[in-house]
Amino acid sequence: MPVKVIPIYNRSYPANEKSDCIVLRIFDKDSSHVDMAFPFHEDTPNFKLTISEAMDLRNAIDQLLDIKLIERPRRILND
């Protein structure tokens, strides 16, 4: 059961360290769902995302950040 933990800053706790996290879990490679949990927030339910929904979430984050893996070529100007 692969688990990934993403440490994040807790906005309600004034500290300069990542004291909160998001946990992603998938049961096996053939699973049709990904669990997303906020373990330090008792009032927040866990989310069960389909693979398609998890990919939509990833794509939305990529689009918001506008990540470019290949740098655009720079024009060389000669005087």
Protein backbone atom coordinates (compact mmCIF):
# COMPACT_ATOMS: atom_id res chain seq x y z
CA MET A 1 0.00 0.00 0.00
CA PRO A 2 1.98 3.04 -1.25
CA VAL A 3 1.61 6.18 0.84
CA LYS A 4 2.88 9.68 0.01
CA VAL A 5 3.04 12.46 2.57
CA ILE A 6 3.18 16.10 1.49
CA PRO A 7 4.37 18.34 4.36
CA ILE A 8 2.74 21.79 4.40
CA TYR A 9 2.76 24.86 6.64
CA ASN A 10 -0.13 24.99 9.10
CA ARG A 11 -1.64 28.45 8.67
CA SER A 12 -3.35 28.41 12.07
CA TYR A 13 -0.16 27.52 13.97
CA PRO A 14 2.46 30.30 13.83
CA ALA A 15 5.66 28.36 13.30
CA ASN A 16 8.39 28.38 10.70
CA GLU A 17 8.17 24.66 10.10
CA LYS A 18 5.92 22.41 8.11
CA SER A 19 3.71 21.14 10.91
CA ASP A 20 0.83 19.84 8.79
CA CYS A 21 0.50 17.43 5.89
CA ILE A 22 -1.67 15.88 3.23
CA VAL A 23 -1.55 12.09 2.91
CA LEU A 24 -2.23 10.25 -0.35
CA ARG A 25 -2.74 6.49 -0.34
CA ILE A 26 -3.51 3.85 -2.93
CA PHE A 27 -4.02 0.22 -1.94
CA ASP A 28 -2.33 -1.43 -4.91
CA LYS A 29 -1.43 -0.82 -8.55
CA ASP A 30 -4.83 -2.11 -9.70
CA SER A 31 -6.82 0.11 -7.32
CA SER A 32 -9.47 2.36 -8.82
CA HIS A 33 -9.32 4.96 -6.03
CA VAL A 34 -6.82 7.22 -4.29
CA ASP A 35 -7.47 8.26 -0.69
CA MET A 36 -6.58 11.83 0.26
CA ALA A 37 -6.50 12.66 3.96
CA PHE A 38 -5.72 15.61 6.21
CA PRO A 39 -4.71 13.64 9.33
CA PHE A 40 -4.38 16.57 11.73
CA HIS A 41 -7.87 17.91 10.97
CA GLU A 42 -10.41 15.77 12.79
CA ASP A 43 -13.37 17.66 11.32
CA THR A 44 -12.21 17.14 7.71
CA PRO A 45 -13.28 13.87 6.12
CA ASN A 46 -10.99 11.77 3.98
CA PHE A 47 -11.59 12.04 0.24
CA LYS A 48 -11.84 8.99 -2.00
CA LEU A 49 -10.88 10.10 -5.52
CA THR A 50 -11.23 7.99 -8.63
CA ILE A 51 -8.05 7.74 -10.69
CA SER A 52 -9.63 10.16 -13.16
CA GLU A 53 -10.41 12.67 -10.40
CA ALA A 54 -6.87 12.35 -9.00
CA MET A 55 -5.45 13.03 -12.46
CA ASP A 56 -7.81 16.03 -12.86
CA LEU A 57 -6.51 17.38 -9.54
CA ARG A 58 -2.89 16.93 -10.68
CA ASN A 59 -3.62 18.60 -14.02
CA ALA A 60 -5.36 21.53 -12.32
CA ILE A 61 -2.35 22.12 -10.05
CA ASP A 62 0.02 21.90 -13.03
CA GLN A 63 -2.08 24.44 -14.94
CA LEU A 64 -2.24 26.82 -11.97
CA LEU A 65 1.53 26.70 -11.54
CA ASP A 66 2.17 26.78 -15.30
CA ILE A 67 5.18 24.49 -14.98
CA LYS A 68 7.46 24.44 -17.99
CA LEU A 69 9.85 21.50 -18.10
CA ILE A 70 11.72 22.70 -21.17
CA GLU A 71 13.02 26.25 -21.22
CA ARG A 72 12.18 28.28 -24.30
CA PRO A 73 15.18 28.97 -26.55
CA ARG A 74 16.62 32.43 -26.09
CA ARG A 75 17.25 34.66 -29.05
CA ILE A 76 20.86 35.68 -29.46
CA LEU A 77 21.20 39.32 -30.44
CA ASN A 78 24.37 40.39 -32.23
CA ASP A 79 25.38 44.06 -32.19
